[in-house]
Amino acid sequence: MAKESMKAREVKRARMVAKYAAKREKLKAEGDYRALQAIPRNASPVRLHNRCKITGRPKGYMRQFGISRIQFREMASKGLIPGVKKTSW
């Protein structure tokens, strides 16, 4: 389980990216890179990191489901994810 501060920091970054998205696009289109540098660093979408919606785990993230591989396996084994079943051959 990730620390609550790390999860909160990621949420804060996501809000900041959304807040400055239009301004960043406008400045990029104009080519005003000096003004672009004045925008906070956390407003850049590159700084966002995918995290598991349940545990906050940053690694082993499955983009299609929005959860980590560990949570995916547990939920799939319990039958909580529709259309996913364990294979055997």
C-alpha atoms as a PDB file:
ATOM      1  CA  MET A   1       0.000   0.000   0.000  1.00  0.00           C
ATOM      2  CA  ALA A   2       1.396   3.381  -1.005  1.00  0.00           C
ATOM      3  CA  LYS A   3       1.756   6.206   1.465  1.00  0.00           C
ATOM      4  CA  GLU A   4      -1.227   8.529   1.581  1.00  0.00           C
ATOM      5  CA  SER A   5       1.059  11.497   0.922  1.00  0.00           C
ATOM      6  CA  MET A   6       2.215   9.961  -2.367  1.00  0.00           C
ATOM      7  CA  LYS A   7      -1.350   9.349  -3.507  1.00  0.00           C
ATOM      8  CA  ALA A   8      -2.340  12.891  -2.511  1.00  0.00           C
ATOM      9  CA  ARG A   9       0.652  14.339  -4.365  1.00  0.00           C
ATOM     10  CA  GLU A  10      -0.379  12.503  -7.527  1.00  0.00           C
ATOM     11  CA  VAL A  11      -3.950  13.823  -7.245  1.00  0.00           C
ATOM     12  CA  LYS A  12      -2.598  17.338  -6.748  1.00  0.00           C
ATOM     13  CA  ARG A  13      -0.456  17.010  -9.882  1.00  0.00           C
ATOM     14  CA  ALA A  14      -3.421  15.767 -11.915  1.00  0.00           C
ATOM     15  CA  ARG A  15      -5.487  18.790 -10.842  1.00  0.00           C
ATOM     16  CA  MET A  16      -2.647  21.149 -11.729  1.00  0.00           C
ATOM     17  CA  VAL A  17      -2.204  19.558 -15.175  1.00  0.00           C
ATOM     18  CA  ALA A  18      -5.919  20.031 -15.866  1.00  0.00           C
ATOM     19  CA  LYS A  19      -5.824  23.635 -14.614  1.00  0.00           C
ATOM     20  CA  TYR A  20      -2.928  24.707 -16.845  1.00  0.00           C
ATOM     21  CA  ALA A  21      -3.682  22.533 -19.919  1.00  0.00           C
ATOM     22  CA  ALA A  22      -5.314  25.286 -21.989  1.00  0.00           C
ATOM     23  CA  LYS A  23      -2.657  27.838 -21.057  1.00  0.00           C
ATOM     24  CA  ARG A  24       0.149  25.424 -21.947  1.00  0.00           C
ATOM     25  CA  GLU A  25      -1.399  24.683 -25.360  1.00  0.00           C
ATOM     26  CA  LYS A  26      -1.822  28.382 -26.092  1.00  0.00           C
ATOM     27  CA  LEU A  27       1.773  29.216 -25.142  1.00  0.00           C
ATOM     28  CA  LYS A  28       3.135  26.288 -27.143  1.00  0.00           C
ATOM     29  CA  ALA A  29       1.170  27.369 -30.221  1.00  0.00           C
ATOM     30  CA  GLU A  30       2.543  30.905 -29.885  1.00  0.00           C
ATOM     31  CA  GLY A  31       6.064  29.613 -29.312  1.00  0.00           C
ATOM     32  CA  ASP A  32       6.428  31.634 -26.099  1.00  0.00           C
ATOM     33  CA  TYR A  33       8.808  29.319 -24.281  1.00  0.00           C
ATOM     34  CA  ARG A  34       9.885  31.894 -21.698  1.00  0.00           C
ATOM     35  CA  ALA A  35       6.297  32.198 -20.437  1.00  0.00           C
ATOM     36  CA  LEU A  36       5.970  28.417 -20.630  1.00  0.00           C
ATOM     37  CA  GLN A  37       8.884  28.089 -18.216  1.00  0.00           C
ATOM     38  CA  ALA A  38       7.085  30.336 -15.729  1.00  0.00           C
ATOM     39  CA  ILE A  39       4.271  27.775 -15.354  1.00  0.00           C
ATOM     40  CA  PRO A  40       4.783  25.390 -12.383  1.00  0.00           C
ATOM     41  CA  ARG A  41       6.702  22.194 -13.148  1.00  0.00           C
ATOM     42  CA  ASN A  42       3.923  19.967 -11.854  1.00  0.00           C
ATOM     43  CA  ALA A  43       1.615  21.398 -14.527  1.00  0.00           C
ATOM     44  CA  SER A  44       3.403  19.275 -17.110  1.00  0.00           C
ATOM     45  CA  PRO A  45       1.515  16.082 -18.027  1.00  0.00           C
ATOM     46  CA  VAL A  46       4.826  14.222 -18.297  1.00  0.00           C
ATOM     47  CA  ARG A  47       5.187  14.371 -14.513  1.00  0.00           C
ATOM     48  CA  LEU A  48       2.024  12.323 -13.929  1.00  0.00           C
ATOM     49  CA  HIS A  49       2.526   8.703 -12.956  1.00  0.00           C
ATOM     50  CA  ASN A  50      -0.087   5.962 -13.244  1.00  0.00           C
ATOM     51  CA  ARG A  51      -1.063   4.436  -9.908  1.00  0.00           C
ATOM     52  CA  CYS A  52      -3.368   1.597  -8.899  1.00  0.00           C
ATOM     53  CA  LYS A  53      -6.831   2.953  -8.049  1.00  0.00           C
ATOM     54  CA  ILE A  54      -7.118   0.566  -5.083  1.00  0.00           C
ATOM     55  CA  THR A  55      -3.677   0.420  -3.471  1.00  0.00           C
ATOM     56  CA  GLY A  56      -1.793   3.329  -5.040  1.00  0.00           C
ATOM     57  CA  ARG A  57       1.003   1.024  -6.220  1.00  0.00           C
ATOM     58  CA  PRO A  58       3.074   2.815  -8.909  1.00  0.00           C
ATOM     59  CA  LYS A  59       4.620  -0.257 -10.539  1.00  0.00           C
ATOM     60  CA  GLY A  60       2.957  -3.119 -12.382  1.00  0.00           C
ATOM     61  CA  TYR A  61       0.081  -0.863 -13.480  1.00  0.00           C
ATOM     62  CA  MET A  62      -2.339  -2.325 -16.029  1.00  0.00           C
ATOM     63  CA  ARG A  63      -3.651   0.621 -18.026  1.00  0.00           C
ATOM     64  CA  GLN A  64      -6.679  -1.225 -19.432  1.00  0.00           C
ATOM     65  CA  PHE A  65      -8.060  -1.872 -15.943  1.00  0.00           C
ATOM     66  CA  GLY A  66      -6.514   0.977 -13.924  1.00  0.00           C
ATOM     67  CA  ILE A  67      -5.165  -1.356 -11.247  1.00  0.00           C
ATOM     68  CA  SER A  68      -1.875  -3.062 -10.412  1.00  0.00           C
ATOM     69  CA  ARG A  69      -1.064  -6.596 -11.533  1.00  0.00           C
ATOM     70  CA  ILE A  70      -1.426  -7.891  -7.981  1.00  0.00           C
ATOM     71  CA  GLN A  71      -4.927  -6.480  -7.530  1.00  0.00           C
ATOM     72  CA  PHE A  72      -5.819  -7.661 -11.022  1.00  0.00           C
ATOM     73  CA  ARG A  73      -4.868 -11.235 -10.185  1.00  0.00           C
ATOM     74  CA  GLU A  74      -6.771 -11.215  -6.900  1.00  0.00           C
ATOM     75  CA  MET A  75      -9.895  -9.728  -8.470  1.00  0.00           C
ATOM     76  CA  ALA A  76      -9.744 -12.034 -11.502  1.00  0.00           C
ATOM     77  CA  SER A  77      -9.407 -15.092  -9.262  1.00  0.00           C
ATOM     78  CA  LYS A  78     -12.479 -14.020  -7.300  1.00  0.00           C
ATOM     79  CA  GLY A  79     -14.389 -13.401 -10.541  1.00  0.00           C
ATOM     80  CA  LEU A  80     -14.796  -9.670  -9.924  1.00  0.00           C
ATOM     81  CA  ILE A  81     -13.581  -8.622 -13.387  1.00  0.00           C
ATOM     82  CA  PRO A  82     -16.130  -9.465 -16.095  1.00  0.00           C
ATOM     83  CA  GLY A  83     -14.835 -11.358 -19.100  1.00  0.00           C
ATOM     84  CA  VAL A  84     -11.567 -12.420 -17.443  1.00  0.00           C
ATOM     85  CA  LYS A  85     -10.924 -15.987 -16.421  1.00  0.00           C
ATOM     86  CA  LYS A  86      -7.869 -18.018 -15.566  1.00  0.00           C
ATOM     87  CA  THR A  87      -6.497 -20.018 -18.450  1.00  0.00           C
ATOM     88  CA  SER A  88      -5.047 -23.490 -18.406  1.00  0.00           C
ATOM     89  CA  TRP A  89      -3.516 -25.652 -21.130  1.00  0.00           C
END
